[in-house]
Protein backbone atom coordinates (compact mmCIF):
# COMPACT_ATOMS: atom_id res chain seq x y z
CA MET A 1 -9.71 -13.55 -10.96
CA GLN A 2 -9.12 -9.97 -9.75
CA THR A 3 -12.28 -7.91 -9.21
CA ILE A 4 -12.71 -4.28 -10.26
CA LEU A 5 -15.25 -2.19 -8.40
CA ALA A 6 -16.66 0.28 -10.92
CA SER A 7 -18.79 3.33 -10.21
CA GLY A 8 -20.00 6.36 -12.12
CA PHE A 9 -19.96 4.87 -15.62
CA LYS A 10 -22.77 4.92 -18.17
CA SER A 11 -24.04 1.54 -19.35
CA ASP A 12 -22.26 1.69 -22.72
CA GLU A 13 -19.00 2.78 -21.03
CA LEU A 14 -19.26 -0.04 -18.52
CA PHE A 15 -19.82 -2.56 -21.32
CA ILE A 16 -16.58 -1.56 -23.09
CA ILE A 17 -14.62 -1.54 -19.83
CA SER A 18 -15.97 -4.97 -18.81
CA ALA A 19 -15.11 -6.51 -22.19
CA ALA A 20 -11.55 -5.15 -22.11
CA ALA A 21 -11.13 -6.20 -18.47
CA ALA A 22 -12.29 -9.75 -19.19
CA GLY A 23 -9.54 -10.05 -21.79
CA LYS A 24 -6.96 -9.15 -19.15
CA GLY A 25 -8.31 -11.55 -16.51
CA TYR A 26 -10.46 -9.12 -14.52
CA ARG A 27 -14.15 -9.09 -13.74
CA VAL A 28 -16.05 -5.84 -13.25
CA ILE A 29 -18.70 -5.35 -10.56
CA GLU A 30 -20.81 -2.21 -10.61
CA ALA A 31 -21.02 -0.60 -7.16
CA ASP A 32 -22.64 2.80 -7.64
CA ASN A 33 -24.84 3.00 -4.54
CA ASP A 34 -22.47 1.51 -2.00
CA ILE A 35 -19.06 2.35 -3.45
CA VAL A 36 -17.99 4.40 -0.40
CA ASP A 37 -18.84 1.64 2.11
CA LYS A 38 -17.25 -1.10 0.02
CA VAL A 39 -14.04 0.84 -0.48
CA THR A 40 -13.56 2.30 3.00
CA LYS A 41 -14.57 -0.84 4.91
CA SER A 42 -12.64 -3.40 2.89
CA GLY A 43 -9.53 -4.79 4.54
CA GLU A 44 -8.17 -6.35 1.34
CA THR A 45 -6.64 -4.49 -1.59
CA LEU A 46 -9.23 -3.58 -4.22
CA VAL A 47 -9.08 -2.18 -7.73
CA VAL A 48 -11.44 0.81 -7.80
CA MET A 49 -12.38 2.45 -11.10
CA LEU A 50 -14.46 5.64 -11.15
CA GLY A 51 -16.15 7.50 -13.98
CA ILE A 52 -15.53 11.25 -13.80
CA HIS A 53 -18.34 13.30 -15.34
CA GLU A 54 -18.41 16.28 -12.95
CA LYS A 55 -16.22 17.95 -10.31
CA ASP A 56 -17.93 16.10 -7.46
CA ASP A 57 -16.67 12.82 -8.95
CA ILE A 58 -13.08 14.04 -8.62
CA ARG A 59 -13.76 15.04 -5.03
CA LEU A 60 -15.13 11.54 -4.36
CA LEU A 61 -12.03 9.93 -5.85
CA LYS A 62 -9.71 12.09 -3.74
CA ARG A 63 -11.75 11.31 -0.63
CA LEU A 64 -11.63 7.55 -1.24
CA ALA A 65 -7.90 7.61 -1.98
CA ALA A 66 -7.27 9.55 1.25
CA ASP A 67 -9.50 7.38 3.44
CA ALA A 68 -8.45 4.05 1.93
CA PRO A 69 -4.96 4.42 0.42
CA GLN A 70 -4.38 0.66 0.45
CA HIS A 71 -6.46 0.25 -2.72
CA ILE A 72 -5.50 0.77 -6.37
CA TYR A 73 -7.44 3.48 -8.18
CA ALA A 74 -8.07 4.39 -11.82
CA CYS A 75 -10.54 6.75 -13.45
CA GLY A 76 -12.15 7.58 -16.76
CA ILE A 77 -12.64 11.30 -17.46
CA ASP A 78 -15.21 12.78 -19.83
CA TYR A 79 -13.05 13.94 -22.74
CA THR A 80 -15.57 16.61 -23.79
CA ASN A 81 -15.28 18.49 -20.49
CA ARG A 82 -12.06 20.51 -20.69
CA SER A 83 -12.13 21.62 -17.05
CA LEU A 84 -12.38 18.00 -15.86
CA VAL A 85 -9.54 16.92 -18.14
CA TYR A 86 -7.41 19.75 -16.70
CA MET A 87 -8.28 18.81 -13.11
CA GLY A 88 -7.57 15.16 -13.87
CA GLY A 89 -3.99 16.06 -14.71
CA PHE A 90 -3.38 16.78 -11.02
CA LEU A 91 -4.47 13.34 -9.81
CA LYS A 92 -1.37 11.74 -8.35
CA ASN A 93 -0.59 8.06 -8.89
CA VAL A 94 -4.01 7.44 -10.48
CA PRO A 95 -4.09 6.02 -14.03
CA VAL A 96 -6.43 8.06 -16.21
CA PHE A 97 -8.25 7.17 -19.44
CA PHE A 98 -10.75 9.18 -21.46
CA LEU A 99 -14.47 8.63 -21.85
CA PRO A 100 -15.94 7.26 -24.02
CA PRO A 101 -13.40 4.48 -23.38
CA GLU A 102 -11.42 2.61 -26.02
CA ASP A 103 -10.48 -1.05 -25.71
CA ASN A 104 -6.72 -0.56 -26.18
CA GLU A 105 -6.57 2.30 -23.71
CA ILE A 106 -8.39 0.28 -21.04
CA LYS A 107 -6.05 -2.67 -21.55
CA LYS A 108 -3.03 -0.37 -21.20
CA VAL A 109 -4.36 0.98 -17.90
CA LEU A 110 -5.09 -2.55 -16.67
CA SER A 111 -1.54 -3.66 -17.49
CA GLY A 112 -0.24 -0.88 -15.23
CA ILE A 113 -2.71 -1.87 -12.51
CA GLY A 114 -1.52 -5.45 -12.76
CA GLU A 115 2.04 -4.35 -12.08
CA SER A 116 0.84 -2.31 -9.07
CA ILE A 117 -0.96 -5.38 -7.72
CA ARG A 118 2.18 -7.51 -8.07
CA LEU A 119 4.23 -4.88 -6.23
CA LYS A 120 1.68 -4.64 -3.40
CA LYS A 121 1.63 -8.41 -3.01
CA ALA A 122 5.42 -8.53 -2.91
CA GLU A 123 5.44 -5.68 -0.41
CA SER A 124 2.94 -7.42 1.88
CA VAL A 125 5.12 -10.54 1.87
CA VAL A 126 8.18 -8.49 2.87
CA PHE A 127 6.51 -6.72 5.79
CA LYS A 128 4.31 -9.59 7.03
CA GLY A 129 5.82 -10.95 10.25
CA LEU A 130 8.76 -8.55 9.93
CA LYS A 131 11.20 -8.94 12.82
CA ASN A 132 13.93 -6.52 11.87
CA SER A 133 14.71 -4.12 9.03
CA LYS A 134 17.52 -1.57 8.84
CA GLN A 135 18.28 1.10 6.28
CA GLU A 136 21.10 3.63 6.36
CA PHE A 137 21.37 6.84 4.32
CA GLU A 138 24.13 9.44 4.08
CA TRP A 139 24.44 12.73 2.19
CA GLU A 140 26.57 15.84 2.16
CA THR A 141 24.50 18.57 3.79
CA GLY A 142 24.54 20.77 0.70
CA LYS A 143 23.25 17.99 -1.56
CA LEU A 144 20.34 16.63 0.48
CA GLU A 145 16.83 17.08 -0.97
CA ILE A 146 14.81 17.48 2.22
CA SER A 147 11.15 17.24 1.24
CA GLY A 148 11.46 14.25 -1.07
CA THR A 149 13.60 12.37 1.44
CA CYS A 150 11.08 12.88 4.24
CA LYS A 151 8.16 11.82 2.06
CA TYR A 152 10.03 8.65 1.10
CA LEU A 153 10.79 7.81 4.74
CA ALA A 154 7.21 8.48 5.86
CA ASP A 155 5.89 6.29 3.04
CA LEU A 156 8.30 3.54 4.09
CA LEU A 157 6.88 3.64 7.63
CA TYR A 158 3.34 3.60 6.23
CA ARG A 159 4.05 0.56 4.06
CA ALA A 160 5.53 -1.18 7.10
CA GLY A 161 2.23 -0.67 8.94
CA LEU A 162 3.21 2.12 11.33
CA TYR A 163 0.62 4.56 9.97
CA ARG A 164 -2.96 3.88 8.91
CA ASP A 165 -3.75 6.48 6.24
CA THR A 166 -2.43 9.37 4.19
CA THR A 167 -3.20 11.93 6.90
CA GLU A 168 -1.00 10.16 9.44
CA THR A 169 1.69 9.59 6.80
CA ASP A 170 1.66 13.27 5.79
CA ASN A 171 2.02 14.24 9.47
CA ALA A 172 5.01 11.90 9.72
CA ALA A 173 6.62 13.51 6.65
CA LEU A 174 6.17 16.97 8.18
CA ALA A 175 7.60 15.80 11.52
CA LEU A 176 10.62 14.26 9.81
CA GLU A 177 11.14 17.43 7.80
CA GLU A 178 11.04 19.52 10.99
CA ALA A 179 13.67 17.31 12.62
CA LEU A 180 15.84 17.14 9.51
CA VAL A 181 15.74 20.88 8.84
CA ASN A 182 16.79 21.57 12.42
CA SER A 183 19.66 19.08 12.19
CA ILE A 184 20.85 20.71 8.99
CA GLU A 185 20.42 24.34 9.99
CA HIS A 186 21.30 24.29 13.69
CA GLY A 187 23.67 21.32 13.43
CA SER A 188 25.66 21.15 10.19
CA LEU A 189 25.31 24.83 9.28
CA GLU A 190 25.60 26.09 12.90
CA LEU A 191 22.87 28.68 12.43
CA ASP A 192 21.53 30.43 15.52
CA SER A 193 17.77 30.99 15.47
CA SER A 194 18.33 34.31 17.27
CA LEU A 195 19.49 35.66 13.89
CA ARG A 196 15.90 35.57 12.62
CA PRO A 197 14.55 39.14 12.69
CA LYS A 198 11.48 39.85 14.80
CA ASN A 199 10.30 42.33 12.19
CA ILE A 200 9.65 40.51 8.90
CA LEU A 201 10.41 43.75 7.03
CA ASP A 202 14.00 43.68 8.30
CA GLU A 203 16.74 41.99 6.33
CA ASP A 204 16.68 38.26 7.12
CA LYS A 205 20.26 37.71 8.25
CA TYR A 206 19.43 34.07 9.01
CA GLU A 207 18.54 33.21 5.40
CA VAL A 208 21.50 35.15 4.02
CA LEU A 209 23.92 33.30 6.28
CA LYS A 210 22.23 29.99 5.48
CA ASP A 211 22.78 30.50 1.75
CA GLU A 212 26.41 31.47 2.36
CA ARG A 213 27.13 28.37 4.43
CA LEU A 214 25.47 26.07 1.90
CA LYS A 215 28.14 27.30 -0.51
CA ASP A 216 30.96 26.94 2.02
CA ASP A 217 32.56 23.47 2.00
CA LYS A 218 33.34 23.76 5.71
CA TYR A 219 29.61 23.41 6.37
CA ALA A 220 28.09 22.08 3.13
CA LYS A 221 30.30 18.96 3.02
CA ARG A 222 29.39 17.89 6.55
CA LYS A 223 27.49 14.60 6.48
CA ILE A 224 23.86 14.03 7.39
CA ARG A 225 23.08 10.43 8.28
CA ILE A 226 19.66 8.83 8.70
CA ASN A 227 19.19 5.34 10.13
CA VAL A 228 15.80 3.63 10.01
CA ILE A 229 15.10 0.54 12.12
CA ILE A 230 11.75 -1.25 11.88
CA ASP A 231 10.79 -4.30 13.90
CA SER A 232 7.66 -6.07 15.11
CA GLU A 233 7.04 -3.52 17.88
CA ALA A 234 8.15 -0.12 16.63
CA ALA A 235 10.14 1.97 14.18
CA SER A 236 12.87 4.44 14.97
CA VAL A 237 14.40 7.10 12.74
CA SER A 238 17.73 8.58 13.84
CA ILE A 239 19.05 11.75 12.20
CA GLU A 240 22.70 12.61 12.84
CA ASP A 241 24.60 15.75 11.87
CA GLU A 242 28.29 16.71 12.19
CA GLY A 243 27.74 20.02 13.95
CA PRO A 244 29.15 20.99 17.37
CA GLY A 245 25.98 19.89 19.21
CA PHE A 246 24.34 21.75 22.08
CA ASP A 247 23.70 21.43 25.81
CA VAL A 248 20.97 18.82 26.23
CA SER A 249 21.23 18.65 30.04
CA GLY A 250 17.95 20.52 30.44
CA ILE A 251 16.05 18.20 28.12
CA LYS A 252 14.53 14.93 29.28
CA ASP A 253 13.68 12.13 26.89
CA PHE A 254 10.45 13.13 25.24
CA THR A 255 7.28 11.01 25.21
CA ALA A 256 3.77 11.76 24.00
CA GLU A 257 2.83 12.67 27.59
CA THR A 258 5.55 15.30 27.96
CA ASP A 259 4.39 18.88 28.32
CA VAL A 260 5.47 19.99 24.86
CA ASP A 261 3.93 23.42 25.35
CA ASN A 262 6.51 24.19 28.02
CA GLU A 263 8.38 27.21 26.62
CA ASP A 264 11.62 26.27 28.38
CA ILE A 265 11.75 22.94 26.56
CA ILE A 266 11.07 24.51 23.19
CA ASP A 267 13.56 27.34 23.75
CA VAL A 268 16.33 24.95 24.78
CA SER A 269 15.83 22.37 22.06
CA GLY A 270 14.58 24.40 19.14
CA LYS A 271 13.39 21.13 17.58
CA GLY A 272 9.69 21.76 17.19
CA PHE A 273 8.30 19.24 19.67
CA SER A 274 4.73 20.33 19.10
CA LEU A 275 4.87 19.28 15.44
CA ILE A 276 6.90 16.11 15.86
CA LYS A 277 4.68 14.73 18.65
CA ARG A 278 1.76 14.36 16.23
CA ALA A 279 3.51 11.54 14.40
CA PHE A 280 6.02 10.03 16.85
CA ASP A 281 5.72 8.69 20.38
CA GLU A 282 9.24 9.39 21.64
CA ILE A 283 12.03 11.86 20.94
CA GLU A 284 15.52 11.33 22.30
CA TYR A 285 18.79 13.26 21.89
CA LYS A 286 22.25 11.65 21.86
CA LYS A 287 25.87 12.80 21.33
CA ARG A 288 25.22 16.31 22.70
CA GLY A 289 22.20 16.75 20.44
CA ARG A 290 23.95 15.72 17.23
CA ILE A 291 21.57 12.77 16.99
CA ILE A 292 17.81 13.02 17.30
CA ARG A 293 15.96 9.70 17.47
CA LEU A 294 12.23 9.56 16.70
CA LYS A 295 10.30 6.44 17.70
CA LYS A 296 6.83 5.27 16.67
CA PHE A 297 5.20 2.25 18.31
CA ARG A 298 2.78 0.00 16.48
CA ASP A 299 -0.85 0.43 17.55
């Protein structure tokens, strides 16, 4: 029987939730005083259900979800408090029901939680003892959605055990976006960063030219390829563009110990080492800079 850790509910609310949960094969344990310790210190996947009666309860939920993203969360929000209901609409990937709770609504939320549990179990089976996994992606430069792609890739690495929490995963998404944007702009679109004006009040020739080339098939139809390889020791993400490349002779293979604050390195590469190094252990260029390979070792 799956256990639900419940906190922040009034006695009558908890009674209704417990009765509905029992009908769906769950048992509810109240954990008001030690909810933070139980959630953050548990190594197994938990179902955590919080009652939201004031703004601090939303802050607690966000904190728990950030510190322990491996768990499944749901919350009940006081229907009479309009500001809480509004704030609850911004909770991402958290099933929400209104308080006072209704039996059918609780059962609907629990059905969704059950599906999430099945997916997490299937996911853990896939990645447990993983020896080798490869995924290949390809887009035309003008049709690639950058932010969503990078978030997906970072989440994939998190689910494979390369990152421990949402902070590390968000850093990985930002690093991937930095690398991908540079491959697109300086590779496929052949944009020179020297076009950026020093005075922000001046016309931004860089952005104007970027928009023009995204409409020009010569540049926009060039392919961007991403290869992801995950094994028992590390993960690597290779981003390849079809631009002319650049002189990489002055760049050594990058590791976490490299002096990334060296201005010569940054000026030559233009790839934002200082951001990428937060999430990846190695950076390597191939094919005259048309491929950038990011590697992250398992802890």
